[in-house]
Amino acid sequence: MVNPESRGLRKVIVWLFGAVIIAILALQNQHPVSLHVFFWQLPHISLALVVLLSLLLGASIGAGGMLWDRYKSKNRSKHLAPMLGDESSSVLPPSSIEGMPDDSPTAPTDSTPQ
C-alpha cells in the first residue's frame, strides 16, 4: 500500500518537473513571430507565449469536455438508478436471474434428416 504522503510528494515532483520544462521552453523560444488568426493579426509576439497559450487553451478545452462528460454520466445514473432498482447491484449474469430467458449461444445441434 502506498503512503498518502508519498503520493502527495510524487504530485509535487511531477508538477515541478512540468514547470521546469515549461520554463525551459519559454527561455529557448523567445523569437518574435507574427500570428494570423482569421481576420486578426498580432505582430511581434513571443513564440513561447503562442505555444503556452495554445497549451492552456487545449488543456482547458479537454478539461471542460471531461467535466461535461462526468456531469452527463452523473445525471444519467441519477435517472437510471430508480428504474434499475436492486438488480443493478447483482453480480450474476442476466441469464441466471429468475424469470429471465437464457439468450446465451448454444452449441449447434445436428438437425440433418437421416
PDB file of N, CA and C in Angstrom:
ATOM      1  N   MET A   1       0.842  -1.175   0.000  1.00  0.00           N
ATOM      2  CA  MET A   1       0.000   0.000   0.000  1.00  0.00           C
ATOM      3  C   MET A   1       0.887   1.240   0.000  1.00  0.00           C
ATOM      4  N   VAL A   2       0.483   2.219  -0.783  1.00  0.00           N
ATOM      5  CA  VAL A   2       1.272   3.439  -0.922  1.00  0.00           C
ATOM      6  C   VAL A   2       0.869   4.430   0.155  1.00  0.00           C
ATOM      7  N   ASN A   3       1.849   5.014   0.775  1.00  0.00           N
ATOM      8  CA  ASN A   3       1.630   6.013   1.807  1.00  0.00           C
ATOM      9  C   ASN A   3       1.040   7.277   1.170  1.00  0.00           C
ATOM     10  N   PRO A   4      -0.034   7.837   1.727  1.00  0.00           N
ATOM     11  CA  PRO A   4      -0.634   9.054   1.148  1.00  0.00           C
ATOM     12  C   PRO A   4       0.334  10.223   1.074  1.00  0.00           C
ATOM     13  N   GLU A   5       1.273  10.304   2.019  1.00  0.00           N
ATOM     14  CA  GLU A   5       2.242  11.400   1.999  1.00  0.00           C
ATOM     15  C   GLU A   5       3.177  11.280   0.807  1.00  0.00           C
ATOM     16  N   SER A   6       3.570  10.043   0.449  1.00  0.00           N
ATOM     17  CA  SER A   6       4.454   9.866  -0.698  1.00  0.00           C
ATOM     18  C   SER A   6       3.711  10.143  -1.997  1.00  0.00           C
ATOM     19  N   ARG A   7       2.390   9.894  -2.009  1.00  0.00           N
ATOM     20  CA  ARG A   7       1.586  10.201  -3.186  1.00  0.00           C
ATOM     21  C   ARG A   7       1.568  11.714  -3.414  1.00  0.00           C
ATOM     22  N   GLY A   8       1.435  12.494  -2.336  1.00  0.00           N
ATOM     23  CA  GLY A   8       1.462  13.949  -2.443  1.00  0.00           C
ATOM     24  C   GLY A   8       2.817  14.459  -2.894  1.00  0.00           C
ATOM     25  N   LEU A   9       3.879  13.821  -2.405  1.00  0.00           N
ATOM     26  CA  LEU A   9       5.225  14.204  -2.801  1.00  0.00           C
ATOM     27  C   LEU A   9       5.447  13.926  -4.284  1.00  0.00           C
ATOM     28  N   ARG A  10       4.916  12.807  -4.767  1.00  0.00           N
ATOM     29  CA  ARG A  10       5.036  12.493  -6.195  1.00  0.00           C
ATOM     30  C   ARG A  10       4.352  13.554  -7.043  1.00  0.00           C
ATOM     31  N   LYS A  11       3.176  13.998  -6.613  1.00  0.00           N
ATOM     32  CA  LYS A  11       2.457  15.025  -7.362  1.00  0.00           C
ATOM     33  C   LYS A  11       3.276  16.309  -7.425  1.00  0.00           C
ATOM     34  N   VAL A  12       3.883  16.682  -6.303  1.00  0.00           N
ATOM     35  CA  VAL A  12       4.691  17.904  -6.261  1.00  0.00           C
ATOM     36  C   VAL A  12       5.884  17.775  -7.199  1.00  0.00           C
ATOM     37  N   ILE A  13       6.532  16.616  -7.202  1.00  0.00           N
ATOM     38  CA  ILE A  13       7.686  16.399  -8.074  1.00  0.00           C
ATOM     39  C   ILE A  13       7.273  16.470  -9.541  1.00  0.00           C
ATOM     40  N   VAL A  14       6.146  15.865  -9.898  1.00  0.00           N
ATOM     41  CA  VAL A  14       5.677  15.893 -11.283  1.00  0.00           C
ATOM     42  C   VAL A  14       5.347  17.327 -11.696  1.00  0.00           C
ATOM     43  N   TRP A  15       4.666  18.086 -10.831  1.00  0.00           N
ATOM     44  CA  TRP A  15       4.341  19.473 -11.148  1.00  0.00           C
ATOM     45  C   TRP A  15       5.596  20.323 -11.291  1.00  0.00           C
ATOM     46  N   LEU A  16       6.574  20.112 -10.425  1.00  0.00           N
ATOM     47  CA  LEU A  16       7.827  20.870 -10.529  1.00  0.00           C
ATOM     48  C   LEU A  16       8.571  20.521 -11.815  1.00  0.00           C
ATOM     49  N   PHE A  17       8.582  19.260 -12.169  1.00  0.00           N
ATOM     50  CA  PHE A  17       9.229  18.837 -13.407  1.00  0.00           C
ATOM     51  C   PHE A  17       8.545  19.500 -14.605  1.00  0.00           C
ATOM     52  N   GLY A  18       7.212  19.525 -14.604  1.00  0.00           N
ATOM     53  CA  GLY A  18       6.475  20.178 -15.685  1.00  0.00           C
ATOM     54  C   GLY A  18       6.765  21.672 -15.746  1.00  0.00           C
ATOM     55  N   ALA A  19       6.859  22.315 -14.588  1.00  0.00           N
ATOM     56  CA  ALA A  19       7.148  23.749 -14.541  1.00  0.00           C
ATOM     57  C   ALA A  19       8.545  24.049 -15.076  1.00  0.00           C
ATOM     58  N   VAL A  20       9.505  23.191 -14.768  1.00  0.00           N
ATOM     59  CA  VAL A  20      10.876  23.381 -15.275  1.00  0.00           C
ATOM     60  C   VAL A  20      10.893  23.229 -16.793  1.00  0.00           C
ATOM     61  N   ILE A  21      10.177  22.236 -17.315  1.00  0.00           N
ATOM     62  CA  ILE A  21      10.126  22.033 -18.762  1.00  0.00           C
ATOM     63  C   ILE A  21       9.491  23.244 -19.447  1.00  0.00           C
ATOM     64  N   ILE A  22       8.425  23.769 -18.870  1.00  0.00           N
ATOM     65  CA  ILE A  22       7.762  24.947 -19.446  1.00  0.00           C
ATOM     66  C   ILE A  22       8.671  26.170 -19.387  1.00  0.00           C
ATOM     67  N   ALA A  23       9.413  26.325 -18.297  1.00  0.00           N
ATOM     68  CA  ALA A  23      10.343  27.455 -18.183  1.00  0.00           C
ATOM     69  C   ALA A  23      11.453  27.346 -19.231  1.00  0.00           C
ATOM     70  N   ILE A  24      11.960  26.136 -19.439  1.00  0.00           N
ATOM     71  CA  ILE A  24      12.998  25.941 -20.462  1.00  0.00           C
ATOM     72  C   ILE A  24      12.435  26.257 -21.840  1.00  0.00           C
ATOM     73  N   LEU A  25      11.219  25.793 -22.096  1.00  0.00           N
ATOM     74  CA  LEU A  25      10.568  26.067 -23.378  1.00  0.00           C
ATOM     75  C   LEU A  25      10.425  27.570 -23.597  1.00  0.00           C
ATOM     76  N   ALA A  26      10.017  28.285 -22.564  1.00  0.00           N
ATOM     77  CA  ALA A  26       9.826  29.731 -22.687  1.00  0.00           C
ATOM     78  C   ALA A  26      11.152  30.457 -22.909  1.00  0.00           C
ATOM     79  N   LEU A  27      12.205  30.015 -22.244  1.00  0.00           N
ATOM     80  CA  LEU A  27      13.504  30.675 -22.403  1.00  0.00           C
ATOM     81  C   LEU A  27      14.149  30.370 -23.751  1.00  0.00           C
ATOM     82  N   GLN A  28      13.904  29.184 -24.287  1.00  0.00           N
ATOM     83  CA  GLN A  28      14.512  28.789 -25.555  1.00  0.00           C
ATOM     84  C   GLN A  28      13.787  29.380 -26.765  1.00  0.00           C
ATOM     85  N   ASN A  29      12.527  29.779 -26.616  1.00  0.00           N
ATOM     86  CA  ASN A  29      11.723  30.226 -27.757  1.00  0.00           C
ATOM     87  C   ASN A  29      11.205  31.642 -27.561  1.00  0.00           C
ATOM     88  N   GLN A  30      12.116  32.593 -27.491  1.00  0.00           N
ATOM     89  CA  GLN A  30      11.717  33.982 -27.307  1.00  0.00           C
ATOM     90  C   GLN A  30      11.691  34.751 -28.622  1.00  0.00           C
ATOM     91  N   HIS A  31      11.775  34.060 -29.733  1.00  0.00           N
ATOM     92  CA  HIS A  31      11.789  34.712 -31.041  1.00  0.00           C
ATOM     93  C   HIS A  31      10.437  35.370 -31.311  1.00  0.00           C
ATOM     94  N   PRO A  32      10.465  36.579 -31.847  1.00  0.00           N
ATOM     95  CA  PRO A  32       9.190  37.219 -32.180  1.00  0.00           C
ATOM     96  C   PRO A  32       8.600  36.620 -33.459  1.00  0.00           C
ATOM     97  N   VAL A  33       7.316  36.359 -33.432  1.00  0.00           N
ATOM     98  CA  VAL A  33       6.607  35.847 -34.602  1.00  0.00           C
ATOM     99  C   VAL A  33       5.341  36.675 -34.778  1.00  0.00           C
ATOM    100  N   SER A  34       4.797  36.661 -35.990  1.00  0.00           N
ATOM    101  CA  SER A  34       3.508  37.319 -36.203  1.00  0.00           C
ATOM    102  C   SER A  34       2.455  36.226 -36.320  1.00  0.00           C
ATOM    103  N   LEU A  35       1.345  36.456 -35.684  1.00  0.00           N
ATOM    104  CA  LEU A  35       0.282  35.466 -35.616  1.00  0.00           C
ATOM    105  C   LEU A  35      -0.938  35.983 -36.374  1.00  0.00           C
ATOM    106  N   HIS A  36      -1.433  35.160 -37.301  1.00  0.00           N
ATOM    107  CA  HIS A  36      -2.632  35.499 -38.073  1.00  0.00           C
ATOM    108  C   HIS A  36      -3.724  34.513 -37.692  1.00  0.00           C
ATOM    109  N   VAL A  37      -4.817  35.015 -37.096  1.00  0.00           N
ATOM    110  CA  VAL A  37      -5.956  34.196 -36.714  1.00  0.00           C
ATOM    111  C   VAL A  37      -7.182  34.782 -37.394  1.00  0.00           C
ATOM    112  N   PHE A  38      -7.685  34.082 -38.406  1.00  0.00           N
ATOM    113  CA  PHE A  38      -8.817  34.544 -39.211  1.00  0.00           C
ATOM    114  C   PHE A  38      -8.554  35.969 -39.694  1.00  0.00           C
ATOM    115  N   PHE A  39      -9.230  36.955 -39.130  1.00  0.00           N
ATOM    116  CA  PHE A  39      -9.072  38.337 -39.582  1.00  0.00           C
ATOM    117  C   PHE A  39      -8.185  39.164 -38.649  1.00  0.00           C
ATOM    118  N   TRP A  40      -7.684  38.558 -37.614  1.00  0.00           N
ATOM    119  CA  TRP A  40      -6.828  39.272 -36.674  1.00  0.00           C
ATOM    120  C   TRP A  40      -5.369  39.027 -37.012  1.00  0.00           C
ATOM    121  N   GLN A  41      -4.550  40.009 -36.669  1.00  0.00           N
ATOM    122  CA  GLN A  41      -3.118  39.857 -36.854  1.00  0.00           C
ATOM    123  C   GLN A  41      -2.410  40.405 -35.618  1.00  0.00           C
ATOM    124  N   LEU A  42      -1.557  39.583 -35.027  1.00  0.00           N
ATOM    125  CA  LEU A  42      -0.762  40.001 -33.872  1.00  0.00           C
ATOM    126  C   LEU A  42       0.703  40.003 -34.285  1.00  0.00           C
ATOM    127  N   PRO A  43       1.262  41.164 -34.609  1.00  0.00           N
ATOM    128  CA  PRO A  43       2.674  41.195 -34.997  1.00  0.00           C
ATOM    129  C   PRO A  43       3.588  41.199 -33.771  1.00  0.00           C
ATOM    130  N   HIS A  44       4.701  40.569 -33.912  1.00  0.00           N
ATOM    131  CA  HIS A  44       5.767  40.575 -32.913  1.00  0.00           C
ATOM    132  C   HIS A  44       5.313  40.060 -31.540  1.00  0.00           C
ATOM    133  N   ILE A  45       4.868  38.840 -31.503  1.00  0.00           N
ATOM    134  CA  ILE A  45       4.516  38.188 -30.249  1.00  0.00           C
ATOM    135  C   ILE A  45       5.507  37.043 -30.040  1.00  0.00           C
ATOM    136  N   SER A  46       5.849  36.770 -28.804  1.00  0.00           N
ATOM    137  CA  SER A  46       6.836  35.748 -28.492  1.00  0.00           C
ATOM    138  C   SER A  46       6.311  34.356 -28.864  1.00  0.00           C
ATOM    139  N   LEU A  47       7.164  33.548 -29.474  1.00  0.00           N
ATOM    140  CA  LEU A  47       6.789  32.191 -29.851  1.00  0.00           C
ATOM    141  C   LEU A  47       6.438  31.358 -28.616  1.00  0.00           C
ATOM    142  N   ALA A  48       7.143  31.565 -27.516  1.00  0.00           N
ATOM    143  CA  ALA A  48       6.847  30.843 -26.278  1.00  0.00           C
ATOM    144  C   ALA A  48       5.448  31.184 -25.778  1.00  0.00           C
ATOM    145  N   LEU A  49       5.060  32.445 -25.914  1.00  0.00           N
ATOM    146  CA  LEU A  49       3.731  32.855 -25.490  1.00  0.00           C
ATOM    147  C   LEU A  49       2.651  32.186 -26.342  1.00  0.00           C
ATOM    148  N   VAL A  50       2.895  32.079 -27.634  1.00  0.00           N
ATOM    149  CA  VAL A  50       1.945  31.411 -28.528  1.00  0.00           C
ATOM    150  C   VAL A  50       1.814  29.938 -28.150  1.00  0.00           C
ATOM    151  N   VAL A  51       2.939  29.277 -27.909  1.00  0.00           N
ATOM    152  CA  VAL A  51       2.918  27.860 -27.560  1.00  0.00           C
ATOM    153  C   VAL A  51       2.225  27.654 -26.215  1.00  0.00           C
ATOM    154  N   LEU A  52       2.548  28.474 -25.219  1.00  0.00           N
ATOM    155  CA  LEU A  52       1.948  28.323 -23.899  1.00  0.00           C
ATOM    156  C   LEU A  52       0.453  28.620 -23.910  1.00  0.00           C
ATOM    157  N   LEU A  53       0.032  29.641 -24.659  1.00  0.00           N
ATOM    158  CA  LEU A  53      -1.397  29.928 -24.759  1.00  0.00           C
ATOM    159  C   LEU A  53      -2.140  28.804 -25.477  1.00  0.00           C
ATOM    160  N   SER A  54      -1.519  28.226 -26.490  1.00  0.00           N
ATOM    161  CA  SER A  54      -2.128  27.084 -27.181  1.00  0.00           C
ATOM    162  C   SER A  54      -2.248  25.892 -26.248  1.00  0.00           C
ATOM    163  N   LEU A  55      -1.229  25.673 -25.440  1.00  0.00           N
ATOM    164  CA  LEU A  55      -1.255  24.578 -24.472  1.00  0.00           C
ATOM    165  C   LEU A  55      -2.376  24.781 -23.448  1.00  0.00           C
ATOM    166  N   LEU A  56      -2.481  25.992 -22.926  1.00  0.00           N
ATOM    167  CA  LEU A  56      -3.535  26.296 -21.948  1.00  0.00           C
ATOM    168  C   LEU A  56      -4.927  26.189 -22.562  1.00  0.00           C
ATOM    169  N   LEU A  57      -5.084  26.646 -23.792  1.00  0.00           N
ATOM    170  CA  LEU A  57      -6.377  26.564 -24.455  1.00  0.00           C
ATOM    171  C   LEU A  57      -6.778  25.106 -24.683  1.00  0.00           C
ATOM    172  N   GLY A  58      -5.839  24.296 -25.155  1.00  0.00           N
ATOM    173  CA  GLY A  58      -6.134  22.878 -25.374  1.00  0.00           C
ATOM    174  C   GLY A  58      -6.443  22.143 -24.081  1.00  0.00           C
ATOM    175  N   ALA A  59      -5.687  22.446 -23.024  1.00  0.00           N
ATOM    176  CA  ALA A  59      -5.931  21.784 -21.732  1.00  0.00           C
ATOM    177  C   ALA A  59      -7.282  22.193 -21.158  1.00  0.00           C
ATOM    178  N   SER A  60      -7.655  23.455 -21.300  1.00  0.00           N
ATOM    179  CA  SER A  60      -8.945  23.883 -20.758  1.00  0.00           C
ATOM    180  C   SER A  60     -10.106  23.317 -21.573  1.00  0.00           C
ATOM    181  N   ILE A  61      -9.945  23.184 -22.881  1.00  0.00           N
ATOM    182  CA  ILE A  61     -10.992  22.555 -23.692  1.00  0.00           C
ATOM    183  C   ILE A  61     -11.127  21.083 -23.314  1.00  0.00           C
ATOM    184  N   GLY A  62     -10.006  20.398 -23.131  1.00  0.00           N
ATOM    185  CA  GLY A  62     -10.050  18.995 -22.724  1.00  0.00           C
ATOM    186  C   GLY A  62     -10.659  18.801 -21.345  1.00  0.00           C
ATOM    187  N   ALA A  63     -10.289  19.651 -20.405  1.00  0.00           N
ATOM    188  CA  ALA A  63     -10.852  19.558 -19.052  1.00  0.00           C
ATOM    189  C   ALA A  63     -12.347  19.869 -19.071  1.00  0.00           C
ATOM    190  N   GLY A  64     -12.744  20.852 -19.865  1.00  0.00           N
ATOM    191  CA  GLY A  64     -14.167  21.169 -19.983  1.00  0.00           C
ATOM    192  C   GLY A  64     -14.954  20.010 -20.555  1.00  0.00           C
ATOM    193  N   GLY A  65     -14.399  19.328 -21.544  1.00  0.00           N
ATOM    194  CA  GLY A  65     -15.058  18.155 -22.108  1.00  0.00           C
ATOM    195  C   GLY A  65     -15.180  17.026 -21.112  1.00  0.00           C
ATOM    196  N   MET A  66     -14.140  16.815 -20.318  1.00  0.00           N
ATOM    197  CA  MET A  66     -14.195  15.753 -19.302  1.00  0.00           C
ATOM    198  C   MET A  66     -15.212  16.099 -18.222  1.00  0.00           C
ATOM    199  N   LEU A  67     -15.260  17.357 -17.794  1.00  0.00           N
ATOM    200  CA  LEU A  67     -16.242  17.762 -16.784  1.00  0.00           C
ATOM    201  C   LEU A  67     -17.662  17.627 -17.320  1.00  0.00           C
ATOM    202  N   TRP A  68     -17.868  17.985 -18.576  1.00  0.00           N
ATOM    203  CA  TRP A  68     -19.186  17.851 -19.191  1.00  0.00           C
ATOM    204  C   TRP A  68     -19.598  16.382 -19.249  1.00  0.00           C
ATOM    205  N   ASP A  69     -18.664  15.514 -19.625  1.00  0.00           N
ATOM    206  CA  ASP A  69     -18.956  14.084 -19.698  1.00  0.00           C
ATOM    207  C   ASP A  69     -19.272  13.527 -18.310  1.00  0.00           C
ATOM    208  N   ARG A  70     -18.524  13.954 -17.301  1.00  0.00           N
ATOM    209  CA  ARG A  70     -18.778  13.498 -15.932  1.00  0.00           C
ATOM    210  C   ARG A  70     -20.157  13.969 -15.458  1.00  0.00           C
ATOM    211  N   TYR A  71     -20.517  15.210 -15.779  1.00  0.00           N
ATOM    212  CA  TYR A  71     -21.825  15.743 -15.405  1.00  0.00           C
ATOM    213  C   TYR A  71     -22.935  14.949 -16.082  1.00  0.00           C
ATOM    214  N   LYS A  72     -22.774  14.661 -17.356  1.00  0.00           N
ATOM    215  CA  LYS A  72     -23.806  13.929 -18.088  1.00  0.00           C
ATOM    216  C   LYS A  72     -23.941  12.499 -17.570  1.00  0.00           C
ATOM    217  N   SER A  73     -22.824  11.831 -17.249  1.00  0.00           N
ATOM    218  CA  SER A  73     -22.910  10.457 -16.749  1.00  0.00           C
ATOM    219  C   SER A  73     -23.519  10.426 -15.348  1.00  0.00           C
ATOM    220  N   LYS A  74     -23.237  11.417 -14.513  1.00  0.00           N
ATOM    221  CA  LYS A  74     -23.855  11.500 -13.189  1.00  0.00           C
ATOM    222  C   LYS A  74     -25.349  11.712 -13.326  1.00  0.00           C
ATOM    223  N   ASN A  75     -25.724  12.592 -14.235  1.00  0.00           N
ATOM    224  CA  ASN A  75     -27.125  12.882 -14.467  1.00  0.00           C
ATOM    225  C   ASN A  75     -27.841  11.635 -15.002  1.00  0.00           C
ATOM    226  N   ARG A  76     -27.187  10.896 -15.897  1.00  0.00           N
ATOM    227  CA  ARG A  76     -27.761   9.672 -16.441  1.00  0.00           C
ATOM    228  C   ARG A  76     -27.948   8.626 -15.354  1.00  0.00           C
ATOM    229  N   SER A  77     -26.956   8.492 -14.470  1.00  0.00           N
ATOM    230  CA  SER A  77     -27.052   7.477 -13.419  1.00  0.00           C
ATOM    231  C   SER A  77     -28.146   7.830 -12.411  1.00  0.00           C
ATOM    232  N   LYS A  78     -28.387   9.126 -12.183  1.00  0.00           N
ATOM    233  CA  LYS A  78     -29.469   9.522 -11.284  1.00  0.00           C
ATOM    234  C   LYS A  78     -30.816   9.096 -11.848  1.00  0.00           C
ATOM    235  N   HIS A  79     -30.976   9.218 -13.166  1.00  0.00           N
ATOM    236  CA  HIS A  79     -32.242   8.853 -13.793  1.00  0.00           C
ATOM    237  C   HIS A  79     -32.391   7.344 -13.938  1.00  0.00           C
ATOM    238  N   LEU A  80     -31.291   6.614 -14.071  1.00  0.00           N
ATOM    239  CA  LEU A  80     -31.363   5.168 -14.262  1.00  0.00           C
ATOM    240  C   LEU A  80     -31.490   4.406 -12.953  1.00  0.00           C
ATOM    241  N   ALA A  81     -30.992   4.950 -11.861  1.00  0.00           N
ATOM    242  CA  ALA A  81     -30.989   4.232 -10.583  1.00  0.00           C
ATOM    243  C   ALA A  81     -32.392   3.811 -10.140  1.00  0.00           C
ATOM    244  N   PRO A  82     -33.404   4.659 -10.183  1.00  0.00           N
ATOM    245  CA  PRO A  82     -34.734   4.199  -9.756  1.00  0.00           C
ATOM    246  C   PRO A  82     -35.304   3.125 -10.687  1.00  0.00           C
ATOM    247  N   MET A  83     -34.962   3.170 -11.960  1.00  0.00           N
ATOM    248  CA  MET A  83     -35.501   2.193 -12.902  1.00  0.00           C
ATOM    249  C   MET A  83     -34.846   0.827 -12.740  1.00  0.00           C
ATOM    250  N   LEU A  84     -33.567   0.801 -12.355  1.00  0.00           N
ATOM    251  CA  LEU A  84     -32.855  -0.463 -12.220  1.00  0.00           C
ATOM    252  C   LEU A  84     -33.160  -1.160 -10.907  1.00  0.00           C
ATOM    253  N   GLY A  85     -33.387  -0.401  -9.872  1.00  0.00           N
ATOM    254  CA  GLY A  85     -33.687  -0.991  -8.567  1.00  0.00           C
ATOM    255  C   GLY A  85     -32.514  -1.764  -8.015  1.00  0.00           C
ATOM    256  N   ASP A  86     -32.783  -2.870  -7.317  1.00  0.00           N
ATOM    257  CA  ASP A  86     -31.733  -3.661  -6.691  1.00  0.00           C
ATOM    258  C   ASP A  86     -31.032  -4.584  -7.665  1.00  0.00           C
ATOM    259  N   GLU A  87     -31.595  -4.842  -8.862  1.00  0.00           N
ATOM    260  CA  GLU A  87     -30.955  -5.751  -9.802  1.00  0.00           C
ATOM    261  C   GLU A  87     -29.619  -5.223 -10.302  1.00  0.00           C
ATOM    262  N   SER A  88     -29.415  -3.901 -10.233  1.00  0.00           N
ATOM    263  CA  SER A  88     -28.173  -3.330 -10.747  1.00  0.00           C
ATOM    264  C   SER A  88     -26.977  -3.735  -9.903  1.00  0.00           C
ATOM    265  N   SER A  89     -27.201  -4.106  -8.654  1.00  0.00           N
ATOM    266  CA  SER A  89     -26.087  -4.479  -7.796  1.00  0.00           C
ATOM    267  C   SER A  89     -25.789  -5.960  -7.861  1.00  0.00           C
ATOM    268  N   SER A  90     -26.536  -6.696  -8.660  1.00  0.00           N
ATOM    269  CA  SER A  90     -26.337  -8.132  -8.764  1.00  0.00           C
ATOM    270  C   SER A  90     -25.053  -8.435  -9.520  1.00  0.00           C
ATOM    271  N   VAL A  91     -24.323  -9.435  -9.060  1.00  0.00           N
ATOM    272  CA  VAL A  91     -23.107  -9.831  -9.735  1.00  0.00           C
ATOM    273  C   VAL A  91     -23.346 -11.031 -10.639  1.00  0.00           C
ATOM    274  N   LEU A  92     -24.560 -11.530 -10.681  1.00  0.00           N
ATOM    275  CA  LEU A  92     -24.887 -12.670 -11.513  1.00  0.00           C
ATOM    276  C   LEU A  92     -25.131 -12.217 -12.945  1.00  0.00           C
ATOM    277  N   PRO A  93     -24.804 -13.065 -13.925  1.00  0.00           N
ATOM    278  CA  PRO A  93     -25.102 -12.692 -15.296  1.00  0.00           C
ATOM    279  C   PRO A  93     -26.608 -12.648 -15.510  1.00  0.00           C
ATOM    280  N   PRO A  94     -27.085 -11.885 -16.497  1.00  0.00           N
ATOM    281  CA  PRO A  94     -28.529 -11.730 -16.690  1.00  0.00           C
ATOM    282  C   PRO A  94     -29.259 -13.044 -16.906  1.00  0.00           C
ATOM    283  N   SER A  95     -28.619 -14.062 -17.473  1.00  0.00           N
ATOM    284  CA  SER A  95     -29.306 -15.315 -17.738  1.00  0.00           C
ATOM    285  C   SER A  95     -29.608 -16.088 -16.466  1.00  0.00           C
ATOM    286  N   SER A  96     -28.913 -15.801 -15.367  1.00  0.00           N
ATOM    287  CA  SER A  96     -29.144 -16.543 -14.143  1.00  0.00           C
ATOM    288  C   SER A  96     -30.154 -15.868 -13.223  1.00  0.00           C
ATOM    289  N   ILE A  97     -30.669 -14.697 -13.622  1.00  0.00           N
ATOM    290  CA  ILE A  97     -31.682 -14.024 -12.827  1.00  0.00           C
ATOM    291  C   ILE A  97     -33.015 -14.724 -13.089  1.00  0.00           C
ATOM    292  N   GLU A  98     -33.765 -14.975 -12.031  1.00  0.00           N
ATOM    293  CA  GLU A  98     -35.030 -15.694 -12.171  1.00  0.00           C
ATOM    294  C   GLU A  98     -35.983 -14.943 -13.088  1.00  0.00           C
ATOM    295  N   GLY A  99     -36.645 -15.685 -13.967  1.00  0.00           N
ATOM    296  CA  GLY A  99     -37.622 -15.099 -14.850  1.00  0.00           C
ATOM    297  C   GLY A  99     -37.050 -14.543 -16.135  1.00  0.00           C
ATOM    298  N   MET A 100     -35.724 -14.527 -16.263  1.00  0.00           N
ATOM    299  CA  MET A 100     -35.106 -14.005 -17.472  1.00  0.00           C
ATOM    300  C   MET A 100     -34.793 -15.161 -18.412  1.00  0.00           C
ATOM    301  N   PRO A 101     -35.087 -15.039 -19.705  1.00  0.00           N
ATOM    302  CA  PRO A 101     -34.754 -16.116 -20.639  1.00  0.00           C
ATOM    303  C   PRO A 101     -33.256 -16.192 -20.855  1.00  0.00           C
ATOM    304  N   ASP A 102     -32.791 -17.363 -21.156  1.00  0.00           N
ATOM    305  CA  ASP A 102     -31.364 -17.574 -21.401  1.00  0.00           C
ATOM    306  C   ASP A 102     -31.078 -17.285 -22.865  1.00  0.00           C
ATOM    307  N   ASP A 103     -30.381 -16.175 -23.144  1.00  0.00           N
ATOM    308  CA  ASP A 103     -30.078 -15.785 -24.516  1.00  0.00           C
ATOM    309  C   ASP A 103     -28.662 -16.165 -24.922  1.00  0.00           C
ATOM    310  N   SER A 104     -28.000 -16.973 -24.109  1.00  0.00           N
ATOM    311  CA  SER A 104     -26.622 -17.306 -24.425  1.00  0.00           C
ATOM    312  C   SER A 104     -26.592 -18.248 -25.619  1.00  0.00           C
ATOM    313  N   PRO A 105     -25.551 -18.129 -26.458  1.00  0.00           N
ATOM    314  CA  PRO A 105     -25.475 -19.006 -27.628  1.00  0.00           C
ATOM    315  C   PRO A 105     -25.232 -20.450 -27.212  1.00  0.00           C
ATOM    316  N   THR A 106     -25.873 -21.342 -27.883  1.00  0.00           N
ATOM    317  CA  THR A 106     -25.724 -22.767 -27.578  1.00  0.00           C
ATOM    318  C   THR A 106     -25.021 -23.450 -28.722  1.00  0.00           C
ATOM    319  N   ALA A 107     -24.525 -24.633 -28.457  1.00  0.00           N
ATOM    320  CA  ALA A 107     -23.827 -25.397 -29.496  1.00  0.00           C
ATOM    321  C   ALA A 107     -24.853 -25.827 -30.552  1.00  0.00           C
ATOM    322  N   PRO A 108     -24.486 -25.769 -31.815  1.00  0.00           N
ATOM    323  CA  PRO A 108     -25.430 -26.175 -32.866  1.00  0.00           C
ATOM    324  C   PRO A 108     -25.733 -27.658 -32.761  1.00  0.00           C
ATOM    325  N   THR A 109     -26.984 -27.988 -32.972  1.00  0.00           N
ATOM    326  CA  THR A 109     -27.406 -29.399 -32.926  1.00  0.00           C
ATOM    327  C   THR A 109     -27.436 -29.940 -34.331  1.00  0.00           C
ATOM    328  N   ASP A 110     -27.218 -31.197 -34.436  1.00  0.00           N
ATOM    329  CA  ASP A 110     -27.225 -31.852 -35.737  1.00  0.00           C
ATOM    330  C   ASP A 110     -28.668 -32.121 -36.123  1.00  0.00           C
ATOM    331  N   SER A 111     -29.181 -31.334 -37.053  1.00  0.00           N
ATOM    332  CA  SER A 111     -30.580 -31.466 -37.428  1.00  0.00           C
ATOM    333  C   SER A 111     -30.741 -31.983 -38.860  1.00  0.00           C
ATOM    334  N   THR A 112     -29.737 -32.691 -39.356  1.00  0.00           N
ATOM    335  CA  THR A 112     -29.850 -33.235 -40.704  1.00  0.00           C
ATOM    336  C   THR A 112     -30.723 -34.476 -40.677  1.00  0.00           C
ATOM    337  N   PRO A 113     -31.651 -34.614 -41.627  1.00  0.00           N
ATOM    338  CA  PRO A 113     -32.533 -35.797 -41.643  1.00  0.00           C
ATOM    339  C   PRO A 113     -31.772 -37.036 -42.053  1.00  0.00           C
ATOM    340  N   GLN A 114     -32.165 -38.177 -41.502  1.00  0.00           N
ATOM    341  CA  GLN A 114     -31.481 -39.438 -41.818  1.00  0.00           C
ATOM    342  C   GLN A 114     -32.376 -40.406 -42.500  1.00  0.00           C
TER     343      GLN A 114
END
